[in-house]
Each structure stands twice: as structure tokens, then as C-alpha cells.
Amino acid sequence: MRGRFITFEGIDGAGKSTQIDVIEATLKARGLEVIRTREPGGTPLGEVIRKELLSVSMDPATETLLFFASRAEHIAQVIRPALERGAWVLSDRFTDATYAYQVGGRGFPAEKVEELERWTHGDLQPDRTVLFDIEPEVAAKRVAQARNLDRFEKENLDFFTRVRNAYLTRAKQSPDRFLIVNSMQDKETVSDILRKEFSTWA
């Protein structure tokens, strides 16, 4: 039986990592094999690409191509093999992030991303996507308090407003796939919402 592919999206500071911890623990408690991964990254090559993407300024086309290079390796080495053996794959970001950050945020042409998407992963799409929605001003404060900022996290509020709007547009286009969670709520409230949702998915 094919496994399930669940992705988690949202602007930086939306609280994805904390809630992925909750879902991972919930699914493992039911005896399911769970593979937790991230983008960019997820493989040795992907982690090398991630380091460059988060630290080196580059042209939007270069940036987009590097994200898809990392994604191609990620799909081939981690995601598809895990799904084929029946595991649940939890990925912190996937292609929706490219539409949000590179198309929405940078203004990179959507049709080029669509072509790269078809080429890189064909008909593979997440079974469900959890979108953590938050006001950019609140997210920025959270990120600034938590860690040193990478070059994406240093972007201005207008950038993150565009990214957020792009995410919400994606969600409207695929309402059956997306679950939008208000991550302005306290962590435990969000965790409770997700536990209830995942109880119906597993």
C-alpha cells in the first residue's frame, strides 16, 4: 500500500517545526513508519544546496533552479522510495513554497515553475498540505527572537505579504488538498486542531 505524503507550508515564523513534531509523534504512536524531511535539503546533496540557497544572494532564476535540483534528488532518493514502501512522509515545504516564495515573492514567471514541476515530479503531489497562516508582522517578531536570520528571513514585510498571499491563492485553487490553520493561535490550540485532523487521515 502506498504511503501518504503530507507537506507543511507557511511563511517563516509560522510555527511549522513545532507542529510537525506533534504530528510525527502522533503518527508514530499509531505504529506508522514516518519519514520526516525538509526542503531545501532532505538528502546529502540537498543539504549542500540548502546552505548556498540560505546564504548566497543570486538571480531568481538561479534560485528557482537550485530549489528544483534539490527537489529532484529529494524525490528520487527519499520521497518516492518511502511512499512505495508504505511510509508516511512529512516534508517541511515542497513545491508550493516555490510558487509562494519565487513566484509570489520574487516575481519569477509561474509558467516556468509549472514546467519545472512537471519535469521534476510529474504526477507526484502531496496528499494533504497544512498551511500555517500568520500575519507577516507577527511572524517577523517570532523569527527575530528565535535565531540568527538567513537571507530569506531578512526579507521585508512587503515580500512576506506577497508570499503569504501566494500561499492563500494556492490554497483556494486546491481546497481539497489544503488545510489552512490560523497559527496566530497558541501552540496547544493549533496542536489540538492538527491531532483531530490527522485522526481522520491516518
N, C-alpha and C. Protein backbone atom coordinates (compact mmCIF):
# COMPACT_ATOMS: atom_id res chain seq x y z
N MET A 1 0.84 -1.20 0.00
CA MET A 1 0.00 0.00 0.00
C MET A 1 0.88 1.25 0.00
N ARG A 2 0.57 2.18 -0.89
CA ARG A 2 1.33 3.43 -0.95
C ARG A 2 1.14 4.22 0.34
N GLY A 3 2.22 4.86 0.77
CA GLY A 3 2.14 5.71 1.95
C GLY A 3 1.44 7.02 1.67
N ARG A 4 1.50 7.94 2.62
CA ARG A 4 0.88 9.25 2.49
C ARG A 4 1.97 10.32 2.49
N PHE A 5 1.76 11.33 1.66
CA PHE A 5 2.72 12.42 1.52
C PHE A 5 2.06 13.69 2.03
N ILE A 6 2.54 14.18 3.17
CA ILE A 6 1.96 15.35 3.81
C ILE A 6 3.01 16.47 3.83
N THR A 7 2.64 17.64 3.35
CA THR A 7 3.57 18.76 3.36
C THR A 7 3.07 19.87 4.28
N PHE A 8 4.01 20.64 4.76
CA PHE A 8 3.72 21.73 5.71
C PHE A 8 4.30 23.02 5.15
N GLU A 9 3.45 24.02 5.04
CA GLU A 9 3.85 25.27 4.40
C GLU A 9 3.50 26.47 5.27
N GLY A 10 4.08 27.61 4.91
CA GLY A 10 3.81 28.85 5.61
C GLY A 10 5.02 29.75 5.59
N ILE A 11 4.82 31.03 5.82
CA ILE A 11 5.95 31.94 5.83
C ILE A 11 6.83 31.66 7.04
N ASP A 12 8.06 32.14 6.98
CA ASP A 12 8.99 31.95 8.09
C ASP A 12 8.40 32.55 9.36
N GLY A 13 8.47 31.77 10.45
CA GLY A 13 7.91 32.24 11.71
C GLY A 13 6.50 31.78 11.98
N ALA A 14 5.94 30.95 11.09
CA ALA A 14 4.56 30.49 11.25
C ALA A 14 4.42 29.35 12.25
N GLY A 15 5.53 28.76 12.68
CA GLY A 15 5.46 27.70 13.69
C GLY A 15 5.37 26.29 13.14
N LYS A 16 5.85 26.07 11.92
CA LYS A 16 5.76 24.75 11.31
C LYS A 16 6.48 23.67 12.11
N SER A 17 7.73 23.95 12.48
CA SER A 17 8.57 22.91 13.09
C SER A 17 7.96 22.34 14.36
N THR A 18 7.44 23.20 15.21
CA THR A 18 6.82 22.75 16.46
C THR A 18 5.67 21.81 16.19
N GLN A 19 4.85 22.14 15.21
CA GLN A 19 3.66 21.33 14.93
C GLN A 19 4.00 20.05 14.16
N ILE A 20 5.05 20.06 13.37
CA ILE A 20 5.48 18.82 12.71
C ILE A 20 5.94 17.83 13.77
N ASP A 21 6.57 18.32 14.84
CA ASP A 21 6.95 17.46 15.97
C ASP A 21 5.71 16.73 16.51
N VAL A 22 4.62 17.47 16.67
CA VAL A 22 3.38 16.92 17.22
C VAL A 22 2.82 15.84 16.29
N ILE A 23 2.76 16.14 15.01
CA ILE A 23 2.20 15.17 14.05
C ILE A 23 3.07 13.94 13.94
N GLU A 24 4.38 14.14 13.91
CA GLU A 24 5.30 13.00 13.84
C GLU A 24 5.07 12.06 15.02
N ALA A 25 4.99 12.62 16.22
CA ALA A 25 4.77 11.80 17.42
C ALA A 25 3.42 11.11 17.38
N THR A 26 2.39 11.82 16.92
CA THR A 26 1.04 11.25 16.84
C THR A 26 1.00 10.04 15.91
N LEU A 27 1.63 10.16 14.75
CA LEU A 27 1.61 9.07 13.77
C LEU A 27 2.46 7.89 14.22
N LYS A 28 3.61 8.18 14.82
CA LYS A 28 4.47 7.09 15.30
C LYS A 28 3.80 6.32 16.42
N ALA A 29 3.01 7.02 17.23
CA ALA A 29 2.30 6.36 18.33
C ALA A 29 1.28 5.35 17.81
N ARG A 30 0.87 5.51 16.56
CA ARG A 30 -0.07 4.56 15.94
C ARG A 30 0.65 3.44 15.21
N GLY A 31 1.98 3.40 15.34
CA GLY A 31 2.74 2.33 14.74
C GLY A 31 3.09 2.53 13.28
N LEU A 32 2.92 3.76 12.78
CA LEU A 32 3.22 4.03 11.38
C LEU A 32 4.69 4.38 11.20
N GLU A 33 5.23 3.99 10.06
CA GLU A 33 6.58 4.44 9.72
C GLU A 33 6.48 5.88 9.22
N VAL A 34 7.24 6.76 9.82
CA VAL A 34 7.19 8.18 9.47
C VAL A 34 8.58 8.65 9.05
N ILE A 35 8.65 9.25 7.89
CA ILE A 35 9.89 9.86 7.41
C ILE A 35 9.70 11.37 7.46
N ARG A 36 10.50 12.03 8.27
CA ARG A 36 10.43 13.49 8.36
C ARG A 36 11.59 14.09 7.57
N THR A 37 11.26 15.06 6.74
CA THR A 37 12.28 15.62 5.88
C THR A 37 12.00 17.11 5.63
N ARG A 38 12.82 17.76 4.81
CA ARG A 38 12.63 19.19 4.60
C ARG A 38 13.16 19.61 3.25
N GLU A 39 12.69 20.78 2.83
CA GLU A 39 13.20 21.41 1.61
C GLU A 39 13.53 22.88 1.89
N PRO A 40 14.60 23.38 1.26
CA PRO A 40 15.58 22.58 0.53
C PRO A 40 16.34 21.69 1.50
N GLY A 41 16.81 20.58 1.00
CA GLY A 41 17.52 19.63 1.85
C GLY A 41 16.98 18.23 1.68
N GLY A 42 17.03 17.46 2.76
CA GLY A 42 16.46 16.12 2.75
C GLY A 42 17.39 15.02 2.28
N THR A 43 18.47 15.39 1.59
CA THR A 43 19.48 14.45 1.13
C THR A 43 20.84 15.11 1.34
N PRO A 44 21.94 14.34 1.28
CA PRO A 44 23.26 14.98 1.41
C PRO A 44 23.48 16.09 0.39
N LEU A 45 23.12 15.84 -0.87
CA LEU A 45 23.26 16.88 -1.89
C LEU A 45 22.33 18.04 -1.60
N GLY A 46 21.11 17.74 -1.22
CA GLY A 46 20.13 18.79 -0.93
C GLY A 46 20.58 19.69 0.21
N GLU A 47 21.25 19.13 1.20
CA GLU A 47 21.71 19.94 2.32
C GLU A 47 22.85 20.88 1.89
N VAL A 48 23.68 20.43 0.96
CA VAL A 48 24.72 21.31 0.40
C VAL A 48 24.07 22.48 -0.34
N ILE A 49 23.06 22.16 -1.17
CA ILE A 49 22.34 23.20 -1.91
C ILE A 49 21.63 24.14 -0.94
N ARG A 50 21.06 23.59 0.12
CA ARG A 50 20.35 24.41 1.11
C ARG A 50 21.28 25.47 1.70
N LYS A 51 22.48 25.07 2.06
CA LYS A 51 23.43 26.00 2.65
C LYS A 51 23.67 27.19 1.74
N GLU A 52 23.83 26.93 0.44
CA GLU A 52 24.07 28.01 -0.51
C GLU A 52 22.82 28.87 -0.70
N LEU A 53 21.68 28.23 -0.80
CA LEU A 53 20.43 28.97 -1.01
C LEU A 53 20.12 29.93 0.14
N LEU A 54 20.43 29.52 1.36
CA LEU A 54 20.10 30.35 2.51
C LEU A 54 21.12 31.43 2.81
N SER A 55 22.28 31.37 2.13
CA SER A 55 23.33 32.31 2.50
C SER A 55 23.86 33.17 1.35
N VAL A 56 23.69 32.73 0.12
CA VAL A 56 24.31 33.42 -1.02
C VAL A 56 23.24 34.11 -1.86
N SER A 57 23.39 35.40 -2.10
CA SER A 57 22.45 36.11 -2.98
C SER A 57 22.64 35.64 -4.41
N MET A 58 21.55 35.54 -5.15
CA MET A 58 21.62 35.03 -6.52
C MET A 58 20.42 35.50 -7.32
N ASP A 59 20.51 35.34 -8.62
CA ASP A 59 19.41 35.69 -9.51
C ASP A 59 18.20 34.78 -9.23
N PRO A 60 16.98 35.31 -9.35
CA PRO A 60 15.80 34.47 -9.09
C PRO A 60 15.74 33.20 -9.93
N ALA A 61 16.24 33.25 -11.16
CA ALA A 61 16.24 32.05 -11.99
C ALA A 61 17.18 31.00 -11.41
N THR A 62 18.35 31.43 -10.99
CA THR A 62 19.31 30.51 -10.36
C THR A 62 18.71 29.92 -9.10
N GLU A 63 18.11 30.77 -8.30
CA GLU A 63 17.48 30.34 -7.05
C GLU A 63 16.42 29.27 -7.31
N THR A 64 15.56 29.53 -8.27
CA THR A 64 14.48 28.58 -8.58
C THR A 64 15.02 27.26 -9.08
N LEU A 65 16.02 27.31 -9.95
CA LEU A 65 16.60 26.08 -10.49
C LEU A 65 17.29 25.27 -9.39
N LEU A 66 17.93 25.93 -8.46
CA LEU A 66 18.58 25.21 -7.37
C LEU A 66 17.55 24.53 -6.46
N PHE A 67 16.44 25.21 -6.22
CA PHE A 67 15.37 24.57 -5.43
C PHE A 67 14.89 23.30 -6.12
N PHE A 68 14.72 23.35 -7.43
CA PHE A 68 14.24 22.17 -8.13
C PHE A 68 15.32 21.10 -8.27
N ALA A 69 16.58 21.49 -8.32
CA ALA A 69 17.66 20.50 -8.32
C ALA A 69 17.66 19.72 -7.02
N SER A 70 17.53 20.44 -5.90
CA SER A 70 17.43 19.79 -4.60
C SER A 70 16.19 18.91 -4.54
N ARG A 71 15.09 19.40 -5.09
CA ARG A 71 13.81 18.65 -5.05
C ARG A 71 13.88 17.37 -5.87
N ALA A 72 14.52 17.42 -7.02
CA ALA A 72 14.63 16.23 -7.85
C ALA A 72 15.36 15.11 -7.11
N GLU A 73 16.45 15.46 -6.44
CA GLU A 73 17.20 14.48 -5.66
C GLU A 73 16.36 13.98 -4.48
N HIS A 74 15.66 14.89 -3.85
CA HIS A 74 14.81 14.57 -2.71
C HIS A 74 13.73 13.56 -3.08
N ILE A 75 13.08 13.80 -4.19
CA ILE A 75 12.02 12.89 -4.66
C ILE A 75 12.59 11.52 -4.98
N ALA A 76 13.72 11.50 -5.71
CA ALA A 76 14.30 10.23 -6.16
C ALA A 76 14.86 9.40 -5.01
N GLN A 77 15.49 10.07 -4.05
CA GLN A 77 16.21 9.34 -3.01
C GLN A 77 15.41 9.12 -1.73
N VAL A 78 14.44 9.97 -1.46
CA VAL A 78 13.73 9.89 -0.19
C VAL A 78 12.22 9.69 -0.35
N ILE A 79 11.57 10.62 -1.06
CA ILE A 79 10.11 10.65 -1.04
C ILE A 79 9.49 9.45 -1.74
N ARG A 80 9.83 9.22 -2.99
CA ARG A 80 9.22 8.10 -3.72
C ARG A 80 9.52 6.74 -3.07
N PRO A 81 10.78 6.45 -2.72
CA PRO A 81 11.03 5.15 -2.07
C PRO A 81 10.23 4.95 -0.78
N ALA A 82 10.12 6.01 0.02
CA ALA A 82 9.36 5.88 1.27
C ALA A 82 7.89 5.63 1.00
N LEU A 83 7.31 6.37 0.07
CA LEU A 83 5.89 6.18 -0.25
C LEU A 83 5.63 4.79 -0.80
N GLU A 84 6.55 4.29 -1.62
CA GLU A 84 6.37 2.98 -2.23
C GLU A 84 6.38 1.85 -1.22
N ARG A 85 7.09 2.05 -0.09
CA ARG A 85 7.09 1.00 0.92
C ARG A 85 6.02 1.22 1.99
N GLY A 86 5.18 2.25 1.80
CA GLY A 86 4.05 2.46 2.68
C GLY A 86 4.27 3.43 3.82
N ALA A 87 5.38 4.14 3.82
CA ALA A 87 5.65 5.10 4.90
C ALA A 87 4.89 6.40 4.69
N TRP A 88 4.72 7.11 5.78
CA TRP A 88 4.19 8.47 5.73
C TRP A 88 5.37 9.43 5.64
N VAL A 89 5.34 10.33 4.68
CA VAL A 89 6.41 11.32 4.51
C VAL A 89 5.88 12.68 4.94
N LEU A 90 6.54 13.28 5.92
CA LEU A 90 6.20 14.63 6.38
C LEU A 90 7.31 15.56 5.92
N SER A 91 6.98 16.46 5.01
CA SER A 91 8.00 17.35 4.47
C SER A 91 7.73 18.80 4.85
N ASP A 92 8.73 19.41 5.46
CA ASP A 92 8.70 20.84 5.77
C ASP A 92 9.02 21.57 4.47
N ARG A 93 7.98 21.93 3.75
CA ARG A 93 7.97 22.61 2.46
C ARG A 93 8.12 21.63 1.29
N PHE A 94 7.53 22.05 0.16
CA PHE A 94 7.64 21.32 -1.11
C PHE A 94 7.38 22.35 -2.21
N THR A 95 6.83 21.96 -3.32
CA THR A 95 6.73 22.86 -4.47
C THR A 95 5.82 24.06 -4.24
N ASP A 96 4.83 23.95 -3.36
CA ASP A 96 4.01 25.12 -3.05
C ASP A 96 4.87 26.28 -2.56
N ALA A 97 5.95 25.96 -1.87
CA ALA A 97 6.85 27.01 -1.38
C ALA A 97 7.52 27.76 -2.53
N THR A 98 7.80 27.06 -3.62
CA THR A 98 8.40 27.73 -4.77
C THR A 98 7.41 28.69 -5.41
N TYR A 99 6.16 28.27 -5.51
CA TYR A 99 5.14 29.19 -6.03
C TYR A 99 4.98 30.40 -5.10
N ALA A 100 5.08 30.18 -3.80
CA ALA A 100 4.90 31.28 -2.86
C ALA A 100 6.09 32.22 -2.83
N TYR A 101 7.28 31.66 -2.67
CA TYR A 101 8.48 32.48 -2.48
C TYR A 101 9.06 33.00 -3.79
N GLN A 102 9.23 32.11 -4.76
CA GLN A 102 9.87 32.56 -6.00
C GLN A 102 8.88 33.25 -6.95
N VAL A 103 7.67 32.70 -7.10
CA VAL A 103 6.68 33.34 -7.97
C VAL A 103 6.04 34.52 -7.25
N GLY A 104 5.48 34.27 -6.07
CA GLY A 104 4.82 35.35 -5.33
C GLY A 104 5.78 36.39 -4.82
N GLY A 105 6.83 35.93 -4.15
CA GLY A 105 7.77 36.86 -3.54
C GLY A 105 8.71 37.54 -4.50
N ARG A 106 9.31 36.76 -5.40
CA ARG A 106 10.32 37.29 -6.32
C ARG A 106 9.74 37.78 -7.65
N GLY A 107 8.57 37.28 -8.01
CA GLY A 107 8.00 37.63 -9.30
C GLY A 107 8.51 36.77 -10.44
N PHE A 108 9.06 35.58 -10.12
CA PHE A 108 9.53 34.66 -11.16
C PHE A 108 8.31 34.12 -11.91
N PRO A 109 8.42 33.93 -13.24
CA PRO A 109 7.25 33.51 -14.03
C PRO A 109 6.67 32.17 -13.60
N ALA A 110 5.39 32.15 -13.33
CA ALA A 110 4.72 30.94 -12.87
C ALA A 110 4.78 29.83 -13.91
N GLU A 111 4.71 30.18 -15.19
CA GLU A 111 4.70 29.14 -16.22
C GLU A 111 6.02 28.38 -16.26
N LYS A 112 7.11 29.04 -15.90
CA LYS A 112 8.40 28.35 -15.85
C LYS A 112 8.45 27.38 -14.68
N VAL A 113 7.87 27.78 -13.55
CA VAL A 113 7.80 26.88 -12.40
C VAL A 113 6.91 25.69 -12.72
N GLU A 114 5.81 25.92 -13.41
CA GLU A 114 4.91 24.83 -13.80
C GLU A 114 5.65 23.81 -14.66
N GLU A 115 6.48 24.29 -15.58
CA GLU A 115 7.24 23.38 -16.45
C GLU A 115 8.26 22.59 -15.63
N LEU A 116 8.95 23.26 -14.73
CA LEU A 116 9.91 22.57 -13.87
C LEU A 116 9.23 21.56 -12.97
N GLU A 117 8.05 21.91 -12.49
CA GLU A 117 7.28 20.99 -11.65
C GLU A 117 6.93 19.71 -12.41
N ARG A 118 6.43 19.85 -13.63
CA ARG A 118 6.07 18.68 -14.44
C ARG A 118 7.30 17.82 -14.71
N TRP A 119 8.39 18.46 -15.01
CA TRP A 119 9.62 17.74 -15.34
C TRP A 119 10.19 17.04 -14.11
N THR A 120 10.16 17.70 -12.97
CA THR A 120 10.82 17.19 -11.77
C THR A 120 10.01 16.12 -11.05
N HIS A 121 8.70 16.33 -10.89
CA HIS A 121 7.97 15.29 -10.16
C HIS A 121 6.69 14.81 -10.81
N GLY A 122 6.47 15.18 -12.05
CA GLY A 122 5.37 14.58 -12.80
C GLY A 122 4.05 14.65 -12.05
N ASP A 123 3.44 13.50 -11.82
CA ASP A 123 2.12 13.48 -11.17
C ASP A 123 2.22 13.37 -9.65
N LEU A 124 3.41 13.37 -9.10
CA LEU A 124 3.54 13.32 -7.64
C LEU A 124 3.12 14.64 -7.03
N GLN A 125 2.12 14.58 -6.17
CA GLN A 125 1.65 15.75 -5.43
C GLN A 125 1.39 15.33 -3.99
N PRO A 126 1.46 16.25 -3.05
CA PRO A 126 1.11 15.90 -1.67
C PRO A 126 -0.33 15.41 -1.58
N ASP A 127 -0.55 14.46 -0.68
CA ASP A 127 -1.92 14.03 -0.40
C ASP A 127 -2.67 15.12 0.37
N ARG A 128 -1.99 15.74 1.31
CA ARG A 128 -2.55 16.87 2.04
C ARG A 128 -1.44 17.88 2.31
N THR A 129 -1.83 19.15 2.40
CA THR A 129 -0.89 20.22 2.71
C THR A 129 -1.47 21.06 3.83
N VAL A 130 -0.71 21.20 4.91
CA VAL A 130 -1.11 22.05 6.02
C VAL A 130 -0.44 23.41 5.83
N LEU A 131 -1.26 24.44 5.70
CA LEU A 131 -0.74 25.80 5.54
C LEU A 131 -0.93 26.56 6.84
N PHE A 132 0.16 26.91 7.47
CA PHE A 132 0.12 27.70 8.70
C PHE A 132 0.08 29.17 8.31
N ASP A 133 -1.05 29.79 8.56
CA ASP A 133 -1.26 31.18 8.13
C ASP A 133 -1.06 32.12 9.31
N ILE A 134 -0.31 33.20 9.05
CA ILE A 134 0.02 34.14 10.12
C ILE A 134 0.28 35.51 9.50
N GLU A 135 0.01 36.56 10.25
CA GLU A 135 0.32 37.90 9.80
C GLU A 135 1.84 38.06 9.71
N PRO A 136 2.35 38.62 8.61
CA PRO A 136 3.81 38.77 8.46
C PRO A 136 4.48 39.53 9.59
N GLU A 137 3.79 40.53 10.14
CA GLU A 137 4.39 41.31 11.23
C GLU A 137 4.64 40.43 12.46
N VAL A 138 3.70 39.57 12.76
CA VAL A 138 3.83 38.68 13.92
C VAL A 138 4.92 37.64 13.66
N ALA A 139 4.94 37.09 12.46
CA ALA A 139 5.95 36.09 12.10
C ALA A 139 7.35 36.67 12.20
N ALA A 140 7.52 37.90 11.73
CA ALA A 140 8.84 38.54 11.76
C ALA A 140 9.35 38.68 13.19
N LYS A 141 8.47 39.04 14.12
CA LYS A 141 8.87 39.17 15.52
C LYS A 141 9.28 37.83 16.10
N ARG A 142 8.54 36.78 15.74
CA ARG A 142 8.87 35.45 16.24
C ARG A 142 10.25 35.02 15.75
N VAL A 143 10.50 35.20 14.46
CA VAL A 143 11.77 34.77 13.87
C VAL A 143 12.94 35.54 14.47
N ALA A 144 12.78 36.84 14.64
CA ALA A 144 13.86 37.68 15.17
C ALA A 144 14.25 37.27 16.58
N GLN A 145 13.29 36.77 17.34
CA GLN A 145 13.55 36.37 18.72
C GLN A 145 14.16 34.98 18.82
N ALA A 146 14.01 34.18 17.77
CA ALA A 146 14.35 32.77 17.86
C ALA A 146 15.77 32.44 17.42
N ARG A 147 16.31 33.14 16.42
CA ARG A 147 17.57 32.68 15.85
C ARG A 147 18.20 33.76 14.97
N ASN A 148 19.44 33.48 14.55
CA ASN A 148 20.06 34.34 13.55
C ASN A 148 19.33 34.15 12.23
N LEU A 149 19.18 35.22 11.49
CA LEU A 149 18.35 35.18 10.29
C LEU A 149 19.15 34.78 9.05
N ASP A 150 18.52 33.90 8.21
CA ASP A 150 19.12 33.62 6.91
C ASP A 150 18.64 34.68 5.93
N ARG A 151 19.07 34.59 4.67
CA ARG A 151 18.77 35.69 3.74
C ARG A 151 17.29 35.78 3.38
N PHE A 152 16.55 34.69 3.46
CA PHE A 152 15.11 34.76 3.22
C PHE A 152 14.41 35.43 4.40
N GLU A 153 14.81 35.05 5.60
CA GLU A 153 14.19 35.61 6.80
C GLU A 153 14.46 37.11 6.94
N LYS A 154 15.49 37.60 6.27
CA LYS A 154 15.82 39.02 6.32
C LYS A 154 15.00 39.87 5.34
N GLU A 155 14.17 39.22 4.52
CA GLU A 155 13.36 39.97 3.56
C GLU A 155 12.36 40.87 4.31
N ASN A 156 11.88 41.91 3.60
CA ASN A 156 10.99 42.88 4.25
C ASN A 156 9.54 42.38 4.30
N LEU A 157 8.70 43.15 4.99
CA LEU A 157 7.30 42.73 5.19
C LEU A 157 6.52 42.67 3.88
N ASP A 158 6.84 43.56 2.93
CA ASP A 158 6.15 43.51 1.64
C ASP A 158 6.40 42.18 0.94
N PHE A 159 7.64 41.69 1.04
CA PHE A 159 7.97 40.39 0.45
C PHE A 159 7.12 39.30 1.08
N PHE A 160 7.08 39.27 2.41
CA PHE A 160 6.34 38.21 3.08
C PHE A 160 4.83 38.34 2.91
N THR A 161 4.36 39.55 2.71
CA THR A 161 2.94 39.73 2.39
C THR A 161 2.63 39.11 1.04
N ARG A 162 3.50 39.30 0.07
CA ARG A 162 3.31 38.68 -1.25
C ARG A 162 3.38 37.16 -1.15
N VAL A 163 4.31 36.67 -0.36
CA VAL A 163 4.44 35.22 -0.18
C VAL A 163 3.18 34.65 0.47
N ARG A 164 2.72 35.30 1.52
CA ARG A 164 1.50 34.84 2.19
C ARG A 164 0.31 34.82 1.23
N ASN A 165 0.15 35.89 0.46
CA ASN A 165 -0.97 35.95 -0.48
C ASN A 165 -0.88 34.86 -1.53
N ALA A 166 0.35 34.56 -1.96
CA ALA A 166 0.53 33.49 -2.95
C ALA A 166 0.14 32.14 -2.35
N TYR A 167 0.49 31.91 -1.10
CA TYR A 167 0.09 30.68 -0.43
C TYR A 167 -1.43 30.57 -0.35
N LEU A 168 -2.09 31.65 0.03
CA LEU A 168 -3.55 31.62 0.16
C LEU A 168 -4.22 31.40 -1.20
N THR A 169 -3.62 31.94 -2.25
CA THR A 169 -4.14 31.69 -3.60
C THR A 169 -4.01 30.23 -3.96
N ARG A 170 -2.86 29.62 -3.66
CA ARG A 170 -2.67 28.20 -3.91
C ARG A 170 -3.72 27.38 -3.16
N ALA A 171 -3.98 27.75 -1.93
CA ALA A 171 -4.95 27.02 -1.12
C ALA A 171 -6.35 27.10 -1.72
N LYS A 172 -6.71 28.26 -2.23
CA LYS A 172 -8.02 28.43 -2.86
C LYS A 172 -8.14 27.60 -4.13
N GLN A 173 -7.02 27.43 -4.82
CA GLN A 173 -7.02 26.65 -6.06
C GLN A 173 -7.14 25.15 -5.81
N SER A 174 -6.71 24.70 -4.63
CA SER A 174 -6.75 23.27 -4.29
C SER A 174 -7.34 23.08 -2.89
N PRO A 175 -8.62 23.43 -2.70
CA PRO A 175 -9.21 23.39 -1.36
C PRO A 175 -9.28 21.99 -0.75
N ASP A 176 -9.36 20.95 -1.58
CA ASP A 176 -9.44 19.59 -1.05
C ASP A 176 -8.09 19.12 -0.50
N ARG A 177 -7.02 19.71 -1.00
CA ARG A 177 -5.68 19.31 -0.54
C ARG A 177 -5.21 20.12 0.66
N PHE A 178 -5.57 21.38 0.71
CA PHE A 178 -5.04 22.28 1.73
C PHE A 178 -5.91 22.30 2.98
N LEU A 179 -5.23 22.32 4.12
CA LEU A 179 -5.85 22.66 5.40
C LEU A 179 -5.18 23.94 5.88
N ILE A 180 -5.94 25.02 5.98
CA ILE A 180 -5.39 26.28 6.46
C ILE A 180 -5.60 26.36 7.97
N VAL A 181 -4.50 26.56 8.70
CA VAL A 181 -4.55 26.65 10.15
C VAL A 181 -4.11 28.05 10.57
N ASN A 182 -4.91 28.69 11.40
CA ASN A 182 -4.57 30.01 11.92
C ASN A 182 -3.49 29.85 12.98
N SER A 183 -2.24 30.13 12.63
CA SER A 183 -1.16 29.93 13.59
C SER A 183 -0.89 31.16 14.45
N MET A 184 -1.84 32.11 14.44
CA MET A 184 -1.82 33.20 15.41
C MET A 184 -2.31 32.69 16.77
N GLN A 185 -2.97 31.54 16.76
CA GLN A 185 -3.46 30.93 17.99
C GLN A 185 -2.29 30.37 18.80
N ASP A 186 -2.54 30.05 20.07
CA ASP A 186 -1.46 29.49 20.88
C ASP A 186 -1.11 28.09 20.38
N LYS A 187 0.10 27.65 20.69
CA LYS A 187 0.63 26.41 20.14
C LYS A 187 -0.24 25.20 20.45
N GLU A 188 -0.74 25.11 21.68
CA GLU A 188 -1.50 23.94 22.06
C GLU A 188 -2.84 23.88 21.33
N THR A 189 -3.46 25.03 21.08
CA THR A 189 -4.70 25.06 20.31
C THR A 189 -4.45 24.54 18.89
N VAL A 190 -3.37 25.00 18.29
CA VAL A 190 -3.02 24.54 16.95
C VAL A 190 -2.74 23.03 16.97
N SER A 191 -2.02 22.57 17.97
CA SER A 191 -1.71 21.14 18.09
C SER A 191 -2.99 20.32 18.19
N ASP A 192 -3.94 20.78 18.97
CA ASP A 192 -5.21 20.06 19.13
C ASP A 192 -5.96 19.97 17.80
N ILE A 193 -5.97 21.06 17.05
CA ILE A 193 -6.62 21.07 15.74
C ILE A 193 -5.99 20.01 14.83
N LEU A 194 -4.67 19.98 14.83
CA LEU A 194 -3.97 19.05 13.95
C LEU A 194 -4.15 17.60 14.38
N ARG A 195 -4.13 17.35 15.68
CA ARG A 195 -4.35 15.97 16.15
C ARG A 195 -5.72 15.47 15.70
N LYS A 196 -6.73 16.31 15.80
CA LYS A 196 -8.08 15.92 15.38
C LYS A 196 -8.13 15.67 13.88
N GLU A 197 -7.49 16.54 13.11
CA GLU A 197 -7.48 16.37 11.66
C GLU A 197 -6.77 15.08 11.27
N PHE A 198 -5.60 14.85 11.86
CA PHE A 198 -4.82 13.68 11.47
C PHE A 198 -5.46 12.38 11.94
N SER A 199 -6.31 12.46 12.95
CA SER A 199 -7.02 11.25 13.38
C SER A 199 -7.97 10.75 12.31
N THR A 200 -8.40 11.66 11.43
CA THR A 200 -9.29 11.27 10.33
C THR A 200 -8.51 10.88 9.07
N TRP A 201 -7.23 11.24 9.02
CA TRP A 201 -6.42 10.94 7.83
C TRP A 201 -5.72 9.59 7.93
N ALA A 202 -5.31 9.23 9.15
CA ALA A 202 -4.50 8.02 9.32
C ALA A 202 -5.37 6.76 9.31
